[in-house]
Amino acid sequence: MKAEIINVGTEILLGSIINTNSVYICKKLVEVGIEPIFQTSVVDDTELVKIAFKNALERANLIIITGGLGPTEDDLTKEALAQLLGLNLELDLNAKQTIENYFKNNNKKMTSNNYKQALKLKNSELIPNNNGTAPGIFLELNGNKIFLLPGPPNELIPMFEECVLPKLKTDIYLVTKSINTLEISESELETILREIEIYYPEIEIATYASYGAVEIKIIGKGYDLNDLNYKISRVIDTIDSKIHNYIYGFDYSSIEEMLVDKLKRSKQKISIAESVTGGIITSRITRIPGASEVLDRGIVTYTIESKIDELGVSKNTIDTYGVVSEQVVVEMAKGIYNKTKSDYCIATTGFAGPSADKGKTVGENYICIYTEGNPIVIYNQFKGTREMIQQKIANLALAKLTIQINNKLTLNKN
């Protein structure tokens, strides 16, 4: 089964909102063995919605449309499909009653345009919405499955889980695994992976680069789940044998997710002193659920004075070696450790650009990981925009610490 997702809403194309629905839907489709092949976003325009839907019908047999089911004039998804398919819109009395009860139970005033949400396409099935007033719609047409779902994620996600997924069961298994790598380029990986892929034609291997990190995706599709898992495990073992030193994890959506998971498992704490990264490392960690269990604090010491006042960095060290130096980053890491006594402390300093001190280079940076009284210093020099350099430094710091924790966990097991 091939799927296309159509996102209806001018606000998406204006950049006013982030379209998280498509990410969620694609992941769920893949989990049940369905291949998403196209994703389209279209403004609130009847003719353009009709064109998008007509195109989808020509290339997919599962079409999921999100948005445009509200009560206002620019909510026109149902109307556009009714015109295109030559189907009448009918008032569903049960939906009408449900909408009236929703407003009554929530002490809200109901206006006449809300009845628009009780309309459904002829021969379609309404999907109940327990979190809003716009029911979804399910329609089977010439062997195609068509779903119309509300745009708000808090309405769409429960509806998808409870009502859409049960209608999408297939006999095909689709399994995806990932390998998280760092300090190896996508082009280097390409050469290695294509040689491996030759021996496993039914397995797809793809790479996704982001700020110096590369995620390897291994994707397999078949009718025998055990055979599929066996082949994918063979592929992973082969890749591991070729690039083991560049791998920092498996099946994590981000470096920070893996780091938080490892720290939680080992019941350890981390503290961070950031200069060049300006709080990026701390921010990325706090995006992960459960971060409060492992993060003690993060301090941004951007000026020389703050490094001296907050972390106890010696002015003499700064004057002698410069603020971007191994000596300063070590004192920063020691300073945050002295404040927190955390199991792991990270410090960063560097030049993100557009300029650097005399004799120094934009992109030059130092990271210090401080644990058990031992500083580990990583020097690197990155190219790119200011943001790219900062994110690359953050990636490197997070990954190096994760590797350090992995090594300790392995030693403890032995």
Foldseek 3Di string as FASTA:
>chain_A
DEEEEEEEAPCPVVVVDPQCVVVVVCVLCLQQPYHYDYYYYDYLDLVRLLVVVVVRVVPDQEYEYEALLALDPSSCNQVSVCVNVVWDKDADVVLVVVLVVVCVVVVHDDDPSLSSLRIDTPPWDWQDFPPDSHTKIWDHDPNGIYIYYYHDPVRRVVSCVPPVVVVDHDLKGKDKKKWKFFPDDPVVVVVVLVVLCVVVVQWDWDWDDDLRMIMIMIMHMDNDPVVRVVVVVVSVVSVCVVPVVGTLDMRDPALLQLLLVLCVVVQFAEEEEEALLQCPLVVVNVVHPPSVSHYPYYHYQHDPVSLCVQQVFDPVCCVVANCADPSSQVSNQVSRCVVPVTQKYKYKDAALDPDDDPPDDHQWMWMWIAHPNDTDIDTDGDDDHSVSSSVNVSRVNSSVVSNVSVVVVVVVVD
